[in-house]
């Protein structure tokens, strides 16, 4: 409320302090204001009804702020839990990939037990799937995939980069034997 100091005399206005948790800033009955205006008629011209209406009381603002904080904290908690679930799932997939690749690598052959043809083809399929994962369809990528596939198939072979040469000879020879016998 704006009141010019030239029109107000000392003692005509008083300031009332309200506690912070008070829910009503403007009194419901305006008898005090009417009494003040009756004692000082010049104030009625200066006062505006819009200035008497206070902003929402502090208790409503506080309740709205608490509600907003609760909503945000619950959202943040849900996002963190969802992120944790994604991270845990990703770690499980990495662990499974590591175990399957370790099984199909050179360390698998340290065992003395014989391996069946089915398990060899399963190993080859796993390695080939990992090699081709994420490759584009370009010719260079296809050649690279074939080279890495051949290297991945025979982990006991010390020089995997030589396998494409043997593969080409085997393919042109039209042999009845599988490539792995060469």
Protein backbone atom coordinates (compact mmCIF):
# COMPACT_ATOMS: atom_id res chain seq x y z
CA UNK A 1 0.00 0.00 0.00
CA UNK A 2 1.39 3.36 -0.93
CA UNK A 3 0.63 6.36 1.20
CA UNK A 4 2.38 9.64 0.64
CA UNK A 5 4.23 10.85 3.70
CA UNK A 6 3.00 14.45 3.28
CA UNK A 7 -0.62 13.50 3.91
CA UNK A 8 -0.02 11.16 6.85
CA UNK A 9 0.77 12.41 10.27
CA UNK A 10 2.77 10.56 12.83
CA UNK A 11 0.64 8.17 14.83
CA UNK A 12 -2.12 7.75 12.22
CA UNK A 13 -0.73 4.51 10.77
CA UNK A 14 0.44 1.52 12.67
CA UNK A 15 2.32 -1.53 11.49
CA UNK A 16 1.10 -4.89 12.62
CA UNK A 17 3.63 -7.74 12.52
CA UNK A 18 2.23 -11.19 11.86
CA UNK A 19 3.98 -14.45 12.63
CA UNK A 20 5.44 -16.34 9.66
CA UNK A 21 2.99 -19.20 9.89
CA UNK A 22 -0.06 -16.93 9.91
CA UNK A 23 -2.45 -17.95 7.16
CA UNK A 24 -4.27 -14.63 6.82
CA UNK A 25 -2.33 -11.45 6.12
CA UNK A 26 -5.35 -9.21 5.46
CA UNK A 27 -8.08 -9.41 8.13
CA UNK A 28 -11.44 -10.73 6.99
CA UNK A 29 -13.36 -7.79 8.36
CA UNK A 30 -12.00 -4.44 7.34
CA UNK A 31 -13.25 -2.64 10.46
CA UNK A 32 -9.73 -1.56 11.42
CA UNK A 33 -9.23 -0.09 7.96
CA UNK A 34 -12.60 1.64 8.06
CA UNK A 35 -11.75 3.10 11.47
CA UNK A 36 -8.42 4.36 10.09
CA UNK A 37 -10.07 5.93 7.05
CA UNK A 38 -12.73 7.53 9.25
CA UNK A 39 -10.03 9.18 11.36
CA UNK A 40 -8.03 10.28 8.30
CA UNK A 41 -10.30 10.89 5.26
CA UNK A 42 -7.36 11.71 3.01
CA UNK A 43 -6.32 8.05 3.09
CA UNK A 44 -9.46 6.90 1.28
CA UNK A 45 -8.29 8.62 -1.89
CA UNK A 46 -4.83 7.06 -1.70
CA UNK A 47 -5.80 3.47 -0.88
CA UNK A 48 -6.62 1.06 -3.64
CA UNK A 49 -8.48 -2.20 -3.18
CA UNK A 50 -5.89 -4.07 -5.26
CA UNK A 51 -3.23 -3.06 -2.78
CA UNK A 52 -5.27 -4.50 0.09
CA UNK A 53 -5.41 -7.94 -1.49
CA UNK A 54 -2.27 -9.69 -0.44
CA UNK A 55 -0.45 -12.38 -2.38
CA UNK A 56 -1.30 -15.95 -1.41
CA UNK A 57 -0.55 -16.46 2.27
CA UNK A 58 2.72 -18.01 3.28
CA UNK A 59 1.12 -21.21 4.49
CA UNK A 60 -0.35 -21.85 1.01
CA UNK A 61 3.00 -21.07 -0.62
CA UNK A 62 4.73 -23.36 1.82
CA UNK A 63 2.26 -26.18 1.14
CA UNK A 64 2.68 -25.70 -2.62
CA UNK A 65 6.47 -25.72 -2.29
CA UNK A 66 6.40 -28.90 -0.20
CA UNK A 67 4.12 -30.58 -2.75
CA UNK A 68 6.38 -29.53 -5.60
CA UNK A 69 9.45 -30.83 -3.78
CA UNK A 70 7.77 -34.16 -3.07
CA UNK A 71 6.78 -34.56 -6.71
CA UNK A 72 10.29 -33.72 -7.90
CA UNK A 73 11.97 -36.02 -5.36
CA UNK A 74 9.70 -38.91 -6.31
CA UNK A 75 10.44 -38.26 -10.00
CA UNK A 76 14.18 -38.16 -9.30
CA UNK A 77 13.97 -41.38 -7.27
CA UNK A 78 12.06 -43.14 -10.04
CA UNK A 79 14.62 -42.00 -12.63
CA UNK A 80 17.52 -43.15 -10.46
CA UNK A 81 15.92 -46.55 -9.94
CA UNK A 82 15.26 -46.87 -13.67
CA UNK A 83 18.86 -45.92 -14.42
CA UNK A 84 20.09 -48.49 -11.89
CA UNK A 85 17.95 -51.16 -13.54
CA UNK A 86 19.43 -50.31 -16.94
CA UNK A 87 22.98 -50.39 -15.54
CA UNK A 88 22.39 -53.74 -13.83
CA UNK A 89 20.91 -55.22 -17.01
CA UNK A 90 23.85 -53.91 -19.03
CA UNK A 91 26.30 -55.44 -16.56
CA UNK A 92 24.53 -58.80 -16.83
CA UNK A 93 24.75 -58.69 -20.61
CA UNK A 94 28.44 -57.84 -20.42
CA UNK A 95 29.03 -60.74 -18.02
CA UNK A 96 27.20 -63.14 -20.33
CA UNK A 97 29.12 -61.88 -23.35
CA UNK A 98 32.41 -62.24 -21.49
CA UNK A 99 31.59 -65.79 -20.41
CA UNK A 100 30.52 -66.87 -23.90
CA UNK A 101 33.54 -65.27 -25.57
CA UNK A 102 35.91 -66.76 -23.02
CA UNK A 103 34.39 -70.16 -23.69
CA UNK A 104 35.02 -69.76 -27.40
CA UNK A 105 38.52 -68.34 -27.11
CA UNK A 106 41.91 -69.99 -26.82
CA UNK A 107 41.57 -70.42 -23.06
CA UNK A 108 38.76 -72.89 -23.70
CA UNK A 109 41.18 -75.28 -25.36
CA UNK A 110 43.30 -75.65 -22.25
CA UNK A 111 40.92 -78.42 -21.18
CA UNK A 112 41.81 -81.95 -22.23
CA UNK A 113 38.25 -83.16 -22.82
CA UNK A 114 37.21 -83.74 -26.44
CA UNK A 115 34.82 -81.32 -28.14
CA UNK A 116 31.82 -82.35 -30.22
CA UNK A 117 31.00 -81.00 -33.66
CA UNK A 118 27.82 -79.39 -32.32
CA UNK A 119 29.74 -77.45 -29.68
CA UNK A 120 32.31 -76.36 -32.28
CA UNK A 121 29.56 -75.01 -34.54
CA UNK A 122 27.91 -73.31 -31.57
CA UNK A 123 31.23 -71.65 -30.77
CA UNK A 124 31.65 -70.58 -34.38
CA UNK A 125 28.13 -69.14 -34.46
CA UNK A 126 28.75 -67.17 -31.26
CA UNK A 127 32.04 -65.75 -32.49
CA UNK A 128 30.62 -64.88 -35.90
CA UNK A 129 27.67 -63.10 -34.30
CA UNK A 130 30.00 -61.01 -32.15
CA UNK A 131 32.28 -60.15 -35.04
CA UNK A 132 29.48 -58.94 -37.30
CA UNK A 133 27.67 -56.98 -34.59
CA UNK A 134 27.22 -53.34 -35.57
CA UNK A 135 28.78 -53.56 -39.02
CA UNK A 136 27.42 -51.60 -41.94
CA UNK A 137 26.45 -53.11 -45.28
CA UNK A 138 29.36 -51.64 -47.27
CA UNK A 139 31.74 -53.88 -49.22
CA UNK A 140 34.70 -52.97 -47.06
CA UNK A 141 32.78 -53.89 -43.93
CA UNK A 142 31.72 -57.21 -45.46
CA UNK A 143 35.33 -58.10 -46.34
CA UNK A 144 36.46 -57.11 -42.89
CA UNK A 145 33.72 -59.21 -41.35
CA UNK A 146 34.83 -62.25 -43.36
CA UNK A 147 38.45 -61.76 -42.33
CA UNK A 148 37.58 -61.42 -38.65
CA UNK A 149 35.14 -64.28 -38.87
CA UNK A 150 37.86 -66.56 -40.17
CA UNK A 151 40.23 -65.43 -37.44
CA UNK A 152 37.58 -65.94 -34.80
CA UNK A 153 36.68 -69.43 -35.93
CA UNK A 154 40.09 -70.95 -35.31
CA UNK A 155 41.52 -69.48 -32.09
CA UNK A 156 44.23 -72.15 -31.93
CA UNK A 157 45.69 -70.88 -35.15
CA UNK A 158 48.59 -68.63 -34.27
CA UNK A 159 48.45 -66.59 -37.46
CA UNK A 160 44.78 -65.85 -38.08
CA UNK A 161 45.54 -63.26 -40.72
CA UNK A 162 46.78 -66.06 -43.02
CA UNK A 163 43.44 -67.87 -42.99
CA UNK A 164 41.83 -65.87 -45.85
CA UNK A 165 44.55 -67.15 -48.18
CA UNK A 166 43.77 -70.75 -47.21
CA UNK A 167 40.06 -70.06 -47.45
CA UNK A 168 40.43 -68.73 -50.99
CA UNK A 169 42.47 -71.79 -52.03
CA UNK A 170 39.91 -74.10 -50.38
CA UNK A 171 37.00 -72.28 -52.06
CA UNK A 172 38.59 -72.39 -55.56
CA UNK A 173 39.64 -76.02 -55.11
CA UNK A 174 36.00 -77.11 -54.63
CA UNK A 175 37.10 -79.67 -52.11
CA UNK A 176 34.61 -82.05 -50.51
CA UNK A 177 36.34 -81.66 -47.16
CA UNK A 178 35.26 -78.94 -44.74
CA UNK A 179 37.47 -75.90 -44.47
CA UNK A 180 38.52 -76.85 -40.93
CA UNK A 181 40.34 -79.95 -42.20
CA UNK A 182 42.74 -77.80 -44.22
